[in-house]
PDB file of N, CA and C in Angstrom:
ATOM      1  N   UNK A   1     -14.951  17.675  13.253  1.00  0.00           N
ATOM      2  CA  UNK A   1     -14.592  16.766  14.372  1.00  0.00           C
ATOM      3  C   UNK A   1     -13.764  15.476  13.655  1.00  0.00           C
ATOM      4  N   UNK A   2     -12.500  15.022  14.712  1.00  0.00           N
ATOM      5  CA  UNK A   2     -11.281  14.582  13.832  1.00  0.00           C
ATOM      6  C   UNK A   2     -11.253  12.989  14.441  1.00  0.00           C
ATOM      7  N   UNK A   3     -10.268  12.511  14.201  1.00  0.00           N
ATOM      8  CA  UNK A   3      -9.886  10.963  14.788  1.00  0.00           C
ATOM      9  C   UNK A   3     -10.399  11.388  16.363  1.00  0.00           C
ATOM     10  N   UNK A   4     -10.681  10.199  16.964  1.00  0.00           N
ATOM     11  CA  UNK A   4     -10.798  10.317  18.339  1.00  0.00           C
ATOM     12  C   UNK A   4      -9.637   9.572  19.058  1.00  0.00           C
ATOM     13  N   UNK A   5      -9.030  10.318  20.100  1.00  0.00           N
ATOM     14  CA  UNK A   5      -7.946  10.534  20.923  1.00  0.00           C
ATOM     15  C   UNK A   5      -7.800   9.136  21.463  1.00  0.00           C
ATOM     16  N   UNK A   6      -7.125   9.169  22.487  1.00  0.00           N
ATOM     17  CA  UNK A   6      -6.673   8.071  23.261  1.00  0.00           C
ATOM     18  C   UNK A   6      -7.693   7.678  24.314  1.00  0.00           C
ATOM     19  N   UNK A   7      -8.267   8.754  24.752  1.00  0.00           N
ATOM     20  CA  UNK A   7      -9.323   8.237  26.042  1.00  0.00           C
ATOM     21  C   UNK A   7     -10.747   8.027  25.313  1.00  0.00           C
ATOM     22  N   UNK A   8     -10.968   8.447  24.076  1.00  0.00           N
ATOM     23  CA  UNK A   8     -11.922   8.096  23.342  1.00  0.00           C
ATOM     24  C   UNK A   8     -11.802   6.746  22.836  1.00  0.00           C
ATOM     25  N   UNK A   9     -10.732   6.019  22.618  1.00  0.00           N
ATOM     26  CA  UNK A   9     -10.730   4.891  22.348  1.00  0.00           C
ATOM     27  C   UNK A   9     -10.719   3.650  23.536  1.00  0.00           C
ATOM     28  N   UNK A  10     -10.086   4.398  24.520  1.00  0.00           N
ATOM     29  CA  UNK A  10     -10.567   3.333  25.720  1.00  0.00           C
ATOM     30  C   UNK A  10     -11.873   3.305  26.191  1.00  0.00           C
ATOM     31  N   UNK A  11     -12.551   4.521  26.061  1.00  0.00           N
ATOM     32  CA  UNK A  11     -13.845   4.199  26.202  1.00  0.00           C
ATOM     33  C   UNK A  11     -14.745   3.575  25.305  1.00  0.00           C
ATOM     34  N   UNK A  12     -14.267   3.753  24.083  1.00  0.00           N
ATOM     35  CA  UNK A  12     -15.082   2.829  23.176  1.00  0.00           C
ATOM     36  C   UNK A  12     -14.837   1.246  23.297  1.00  0.00           C
ATOM     37  N   UNK A  13     -13.533   1.199  23.793  1.00  0.00           N
ATOM     38  CA  UNK A  13     -12.981  -0.564  23.719  1.00  0.00           C
ATOM     39  C   UNK A  13     -13.957  -1.100  25.237  1.00  0.00           C
ATOM     40  N   UNK A  14     -13.808  -0.295  26.174  1.00  0.00           N
ATOM     41  CA  UNK A  14     -14.950  -0.345  27.193  1.00  0.00           C
ATOM     42  C   UNK A  14     -16.427  -0.910  27.186  1.00  0.00           C
ATOM     43  N   UNK A  15     -16.994   0.088  26.417  1.00  0.00           N
ATOM     44  CA  UNK A  15     -18.571  -0.246  25.963  1.00  0.00           C
ATOM     45  C   UNK A  15     -18.552  -1.070  24.998  1.00  0.00           C
ATOM     46  N   UNK A  16     -17.724  -1.592  24.337  1.00  0.00           N
ATOM     47  CA  UNK A  16     -17.817  -2.997  23.518  1.00  0.00           C
ATOM     48  C   UNK A  16     -17.510  -4.070  24.459  1.00  0.00           C
ATOM     49  N   UNK A  17     -16.214  -4.122  25.731  1.00  0.00           N
ATOM     50  CA  UNK A  17     -16.578  -5.332  26.432  1.00  0.00           C
ATOM     51  C   UNK A  17     -17.632  -5.260  27.240  1.00  0.00           C
ATOM     52  N   UNK A  18     -18.481  -4.255  27.745  1.00  0.00           N
ATOM     53  CA  UNK A  18     -19.714  -4.299  28.460  1.00  0.00           C
ATOM     54  C   UNK A  18     -20.606  -4.926  27.801  1.00  0.00           C
ATOM     55  N   UNK A  19     -20.609  -4.671  26.406  1.00  0.00           N
ATOM     56  CA  UNK A  19     -21.747  -5.108  25.603  1.00  0.00           C
ATOM     57  C   UNK A  19     -21.612  -6.572  25.313  1.00  0.00           C
ATOM     58  N   UNK A  20     -20.367  -6.627  24.787  1.00  0.00           N
ATOM     59  CA  UNK A  20     -20.463  -8.299  23.912  1.00  0.00           C
ATOM     60  C   UNK A  20     -19.654  -9.306  25.106  1.00  0.00           C
ATOM     61  N   UNK A  21     -18.887  -8.714  26.162  1.00  0.00           N
ATOM     62  CA  UNK A  21     -18.682  -9.558  27.303  1.00  0.00           C
ATOM     63  C   UNK A  21     -17.423 -10.253  26.531  1.00  0.00           C
ATOM     64  N   UNK A  22     -16.473 -11.025  27.576  1.00  0.00           N
ATOM     65  CA  UNK A  22     -14.751 -10.929  26.998  1.00  0.00           C
ATOM     66  C   UNK A  22     -14.854 -12.350  26.183  1.00  0.00           C
ATOM     67  N   UNK A  23     -15.933 -13.258  26.529  1.00  0.00           N
ATOM     68  CA  UNK A  23     -15.889 -14.413  25.810  1.00  0.00           C
ATOM     69  C   UNK A  23     -16.398 -14.385  24.264  1.00  0.00           C
ATOM     70  N   UNK A  24     -17.156 -13.342  24.113  1.00  0.00           N
ATOM     71  CA  UNK A  24     -17.696 -13.339  22.731  1.00  0.00           C
ATOM     72  C   UNK A  24     -16.656 -12.245  21.769  1.00  0.00           C
ATOM     73  N   UNK A  25     -16.161 -11.736  22.417  1.00  0.00           N
ATOM     74  CA  UNK A  25     -15.088 -10.909  21.539  1.00  0.00           C
ATOM     75  C   UNK A  25     -14.109 -11.614  20.686  1.00  0.00           C
ATOM     76  N   UNK A  26     -13.475 -12.578  21.188  1.00  0.00           N
ATOM     77  CA  UNK A  26     -12.585 -13.326  20.265  1.00  0.00           C
ATOM     78  C   UNK A  26     -13.290 -13.910  18.868  1.00  0.00           C
ATOM     79  N   UNK A  27     -14.588 -14.405  19.498  1.00  0.00           N
ATOM     80  CA  UNK A  27     -15.510 -15.211  18.167  1.00  0.00           C
ATOM     81  C   UNK A  27     -15.660 -13.807  17.151  1.00  0.00           C
ATOM     82  N   UNK A  28     -15.865 -12.541  17.322  1.00  0.00           N
ATOM     83  CA  UNK A  28     -16.426 -11.748  16.725  1.00  0.00           C
ATOM     84  C   UNK A  28     -15.150 -11.020  15.662  1.00  0.00           C
ATOM     85  N   UNK A  29     -13.943 -11.225  16.749  1.00  0.00           N
ATOM     86  CA  UNK A  29     -12.891 -11.010  15.701  1.00  0.00           C
ATOM     87  C   UNK A  29     -12.264 -11.819  14.721  1.00  0.00           C
ATOM     88  N   UNK A  30     -12.735 -13.241  14.804  1.00  0.00           N
ATOM     89  CA  UNK A  30     -12.454 -14.460  14.513  1.00  0.00           C
ATOM     90  C   UNK A  30     -13.245 -14.128  13.217  1.00  0.00           C
ATOM     91  N   UNK A  31     -14.492 -13.927  13.329  1.00  0.00           N
ATOM     92  CA  UNK A  31     -15.191 -13.919  11.851  1.00  0.00           C
ATOM     93  C   UNK A  31     -14.959 -12.648  11.306  1.00  0.00           C
ATOM     94  N   UNK A  32     -14.527 -11.516  11.891  1.00  0.00           N
ATOM     95  CA  UNK A  32     -13.993 -10.522  11.212  1.00  0.00           C
ATOM     96  C   UNK A  32     -13.018 -10.484  10.437  1.00  0.00           C
ATOM     97  N   UNK A  33     -11.905 -11.496  10.603  1.00  0.00           N
ATOM     98  CA  UNK A  33     -10.923 -11.472  10.414  1.00  0.00           C
ATOM     99  C   UNK A  33     -11.095 -12.504   8.945  1.00  0.00           C
ATOM    100  N   UNK A  34     -11.975 -13.478   9.122  1.00  0.00           N
ATOM    101  CA  UNK A  34     -12.345 -14.243   8.026  1.00  0.00           C
ATOM    102  C   UNK A  34     -13.125 -13.694   6.880  1.00  0.00           C
ATOM    103  N   UNK A  35     -13.737 -12.857   7.317  1.00  0.00           N
ATOM    104  CA  UNK A  35     -14.594 -11.834   6.309  1.00  0.00           C
ATOM    105  C   UNK A  35     -13.699 -11.266   5.611  1.00  0.00           C
ATOM    106  N   UNK A  36     -12.682 -10.792   6.169  1.00  0.00           N
ATOM    107  CA  UNK A  36     -12.104  -9.863   5.458  1.00  0.00           C
ATOM    108  C   UNK A  36     -10.800 -10.658   4.649  1.00  0.00           C
ATOM    109  N   UNK A  37     -10.333 -11.699   4.912  1.00  0.00           N
ATOM    110  CA  UNK A  37      -9.776 -12.724   4.134  1.00  0.00           C
ATOM    111  C   UNK A  37     -10.348 -12.974   3.084  1.00  0.00           C
ATOM    112  N   UNK A  38     -11.787 -13.417   3.008  1.00  0.00           N
ATOM    113  CA  UNK A  38     -12.723 -13.855   1.894  1.00  0.00           C
ATOM    114  C   UNK A  38     -13.021 -12.627   1.004  1.00  0.00           C
ATOM    115  N   UNK A  39     -12.905 -11.585   1.519  1.00  0.00           N
ATOM    116  CA  UNK A  39     -13.285 -10.345   0.716  1.00  0.00           C
ATOM    117  C   UNK A  39     -11.735 -10.205  -0.126  1.00  0.00           C
ATOM    118  N   UNK A  40     -10.553 -10.201   0.401  1.00  0.00           N
ATOM    119  CA  UNK A  40      -9.389 -10.111  -0.340  1.00  0.00           C
ATOM    120  C   UNK A  40      -9.284 -11.289  -1.276  1.00  0.00           C
ATOM    121  N   UNK A  41      -9.708 -12.438  -0.978  1.00  0.00           N
ATOM    122  CA  UNK A  41      -9.463 -13.341  -1.947  1.00  0.00           C
ATOM    123  C   UNK A  41     -10.474 -13.233  -3.144  1.00  0.00           C
ATOM    124  N   UNK A  42     -11.533 -12.879  -2.804  1.00  0.00           N
ATOM    125  CA  UNK A  42     -12.695 -12.458  -4.012  1.00  0.00           C
ATOM    126  C   UNK A  42     -12.285 -11.483  -4.933  1.00  0.00           C
ATOM    127  N   UNK A  43     -11.562 -10.337  -4.291  1.00  0.00           N
ATOM    128  CA  UNK A  43     -10.692  -9.059  -5.209  1.00  0.00           C
ATOM    129  C   UNK A  43      -9.595  -9.749  -6.126  1.00  0.00           C
ATOM    130  N   UNK A  44      -8.856 -10.501  -5.257  1.00  0.00           N
ATOM    131  CA  UNK A  44      -7.727 -11.162  -6.166  1.00  0.00           C
ATOM    132  C   UNK A  44      -8.057 -12.017  -7.245  1.00  0.00           C
ATOM    133  N   UNK A  45      -9.234 -12.499  -6.864  1.00  0.00           N
ATOM    134  CA  UNK A  45      -9.768 -13.400  -8.102  1.00  0.00           C
ATOM    135  C   UNK A  45     -10.256 -12.751  -8.955  1.00  0.00           C
ATOM    136  N   UNK A  46     -10.861 -11.773  -8.698  1.00  0.00           N
ATOM    137  CA  UNK A  46     -11.820 -11.375  -9.784  1.00  0.00           C
ATOM    138  C   UNK A  46     -10.705 -10.197 -10.717  1.00  0.00           C
ATOM    139  N   UNK A  47      -9.582  -9.787 -10.403  1.00  0.00           N
ATOM    140  CA  UNK A  47      -8.557  -9.275 -10.861  1.00  0.00           C
ATOM    141  C   UNK A  47      -8.083 -10.273 -11.595  1.00  0.00           C
ATOM    142  N   UNK A  48      -7.979 -11.262 -11.530  1.00  0.00           N
ATOM    143  CA  UNK A  48      -7.082 -12.286 -12.477  1.00  0.00           C
ATOM    144  C   UNK A  48      -7.805 -12.663 -13.022  1.00  0.00           C
ATOM    145  N   UNK A  49      -9.414 -12.739 -13.028  1.00  0.00           N
ATOM    146  CA  UNK A  49     -10.125 -13.202 -14.212  1.00  0.00           C
ATOM    147  C   UNK A  49     -10.361 -12.020 -15.249  1.00  0.00           C
ATOM    148  N   UNK A  50      -9.928 -10.900 -14.772  1.00  0.00           N
ATOM    149  CA  UNK A  50     -10.330  -9.794 -15.706  1.00  0.00           C
ATOM    150  C   UNK A  50      -8.818  -9.652 -16.570  1.00  0.00           C
ATOM    151  N   UNK A  51      -7.809 -10.159 -16.296  1.00  0.00           N
ATOM    152  CA  UNK A  51      -6.602 -10.120 -16.951  1.00  0.00           C
ATOM    153  C   UNK A  51      -6.805 -11.064 -18.086  1.00  0.00           C
ATOM    154  N   UNK A  52      -7.507 -12.469 -17.621  1.00  0.00           N
ATOM    155  CA  UNK A  52      -7.473 -13.377 -18.568  1.00  0.00           C
ATOM    156  C   UNK A  52      -8.582 -13.085 -19.372  1.00  0.00           C
ATOM    157  N   UNK A  53      -9.514 -12.432 -19.223  1.00  0.00           N
ATOM    158  CA  UNK A  53     -10.773 -12.067 -20.014  1.00  0.00           C
ATOM    159  C   UNK A  53      -9.893 -10.798 -21.192  1.00  0.00           C
ATOM    160  N   UNK A  54      -9.136  -9.769 -20.633  1.00  0.00           N
ATOM    161  CA  UNK A  54      -8.641  -9.315 -21.769  1.00  0.00           C
ATOM    162  C   UNK A  54      -7.413  -9.607 -22.198  1.00  0.00           C
ATOM    163  N   UNK A  55      -6.885 -10.967 -21.816  1.00  0.00           N
ATOM    164  CA  UNK A  55      -6.062 -11.606 -22.664  1.00  0.00           C
ATOM    165  C   UNK A  55      -6.623 -12.321 -23.680  1.00  0.00           C
ATOM    166  N   UNK A  56      -7.625 -12.526 -23.488  1.00  0.00           N
ATOM    167  CA  UNK A  56      -8.560 -13.488 -24.670  1.00  0.00           C
ATOM    168  C   UNK A  56      -9.388 -12.367 -25.489  1.00  0.00           C
ATOM    169  N   UNK A  57      -9.750 -11.469 -25.336  1.00  0.00           N
ATOM    170  CA  UNK A  57     -10.128 -10.323 -26.064  1.00  0.00           C
ATOM    171  C   UNK A  57      -9.199  -9.812 -27.067  1.00  0.00           C
ATOM    172  N   UNK A  58      -7.982  -9.693 -26.394  1.00  0.00           N
ATOM    173  CA  UNK A  58      -6.697  -8.890 -27.218  1.00  0.00           C
ATOM    174  C   UNK A  58      -6.429 -10.195 -28.741  1.00  0.00           C
ATOM    175  N   UNK A  59      -6.550 -11.537 -27.780  1.00  0.00           N
ATOM    176  CA  UNK A  59      -6.212 -12.642 -29.004  1.00  0.00           C
ATOM    177  C   UNK A  59      -7.211 -12.337 -29.897  1.00  0.00           C
ATOM    178  N   UNK A  60      -8.246 -12.779 -29.726  1.00  0.00           N
ATOM    179  CA  UNK A  60      -9.621 -12.329 -30.719  1.00  0.00           C
ATOM    180  C   UNK A  60      -9.492 -11.450 -31.578  1.00  0.00           C
ATOM    181  N   UNK A  61      -8.945 -10.158 -30.919  1.00  0.00           N
ATOM    182  CA  UNK A  61      -8.987  -9.048 -31.963  1.00  0.00           C
ATOM    183  C   UNK A  61      -7.891  -9.257 -32.963  1.00  0.00           C
ATOM    184  N   UNK A  62      -6.937  -9.895 -32.453  1.00  0.00           N
ATOM    185  CA  UNK A  62      -5.658  -9.922 -33.279  1.00  0.00           C
ATOM    186  C   UNK A  62      -6.275 -11.140 -34.297  1.00  0.00           C
ATOM    187  N   UNK A  63      -6.969 -12.244 -33.892  1.00  0.00           N
ATOM    188  CA  UNK A  63      -7.110 -13.142 -34.943  1.00  0.00           C
ATOM    189  C   UNK A  63      -7.932 -12.637 -36.007  1.00  0.00           C
ATOM    190  N   UNK A  64      -8.866 -11.908 -35.520  1.00  0.00           N
ATOM    191  CA  UNK A  64     -10.007 -10.866 -36.670  1.00  0.00           C
ATOM    192  C   UNK A  64      -9.298 -10.259 -37.618  1.00  0.00           C
ATOM    193  N   UNK A  65      -8.239  -9.493 -36.922  1.00  0.00           N
ATOM    194  CA  UNK A  65      -7.540  -8.672 -37.897  1.00  0.00           C
ATOM    195  C   UNK A  65      -6.492  -9.133 -38.773  1.00  0.00           C
ATOM    196  N   UNK A  66      -5.858 -10.167 -38.504  1.00  0.00           N
ATOM    197  CA  UNK A  66      -5.191 -11.157 -39.270  1.00  0.00           C
ATOM    198  C   UNK A  66      -5.637 -11.751 -40.303  1.00  0.00           C
ATOM    199  N   UNK A  67      -7.215 -12.261 -40.198  1.00  0.00           N
ATOM    200  CA  UNK A  67      -7.866 -12.929 -41.339  1.00  0.00           C
ATOM    201  C   UNK A  67      -8.304 -12.123 -42.039  1.00  0.00           C
ATOM    202  N   UNK A  68      -8.501 -10.922 -41.744  1.00  0.00           N
ATOM    203  CA  UNK A  68      -9.182 -10.048 -42.724  1.00  0.00           C
ATOM    204  C   UNK A  68      -8.266  -9.814 -43.955  1.00  0.00           C
ATOM    205  N   UNK A  69      -8.732  -9.950 -45.299  1.00  0.00           N
ATOM    206  CA  UNK A  69      -7.558  -9.675 -46.663  1.00  0.00           C
ATOM    207  C   UNK A  69      -7.274  -8.043 -46.669  1.00  0.00           C
ATOM    208  N   UNK A  70      -6.325  -7.951 -47.064  1.00  0.00           N
ATOM    209  CA  UNK A  70      -5.884  -6.507 -47.385  1.00  0.00           C
ATOM    210  C   UNK A  70      -6.490  -5.743 -48.479  1.00  0.00           C
ATOM    211  N   UNK A  71      -7.027  -4.651 -48.440  1.00  0.00           N
ATOM    212  CA  UNK A  71      -7.969  -4.272 -49.524  1.00  0.00           C
ATOM    213  C   UNK A  71      -6.834  -3.535 -50.181  1.00  0.00           C
ATOM    214  N   UNK A  72      -6.913  -3.723 -51.532  1.00  0.00           N
ATOM    215  CA  UNK A  72      -6.115  -2.928 -52.495  1.00  0.00           C
ATOM    216  C   UNK A  72      -6.834  -1.472 -53.248  1.00  0.00           C
ATOM    217  N   UNK A  73      -5.906  -0.740 -53.212  1.00  0.00           N
ATOM    218  CA  UNK A  73      -6.578   0.725 -53.488  1.00  0.00           C
ATOM    219  C   UNK A  73      -6.539   0.495 -55.285  1.00  0.00           C
ATOM    220  N   UNK A  74      -7.502   0.830 -55.808  1.00  0.00           N
ATOM    221  CA  UNK A  74      -7.767   0.857 -57.424  1.00  0.00           C
ATOM    222  C   UNK A  74      -7.337   2.181 -57.858  1.00  0.00           C
ATOM    223  N   UNK A  75      -6.501   2.090 -58.932  1.00  0.00           N
ATOM    224  CA  UNK A  75      -5.747   3.055 -59.382  1.00  0.00           C
ATOM    225  C   UNK A  75      -6.235   3.477 -60.638  1.00  0.00           C
TER     226      UNK A  75
END
């Protein structure tokens, strides 16, 4: 079973229109749009926080390795 064709989309649109009515559909679309917008913002903020955390970890690792004295081999 593949993607719905043209007639199926029209039938789906008519059923949605009958179920929700013409006045309720714009409100539903507005809610859906704001939900998607908030989701994208949260994903972007999460990605930025991961980058900051990885930079902090890298700086910490570099600091720890530079503070350790080098071991000398005994001959």
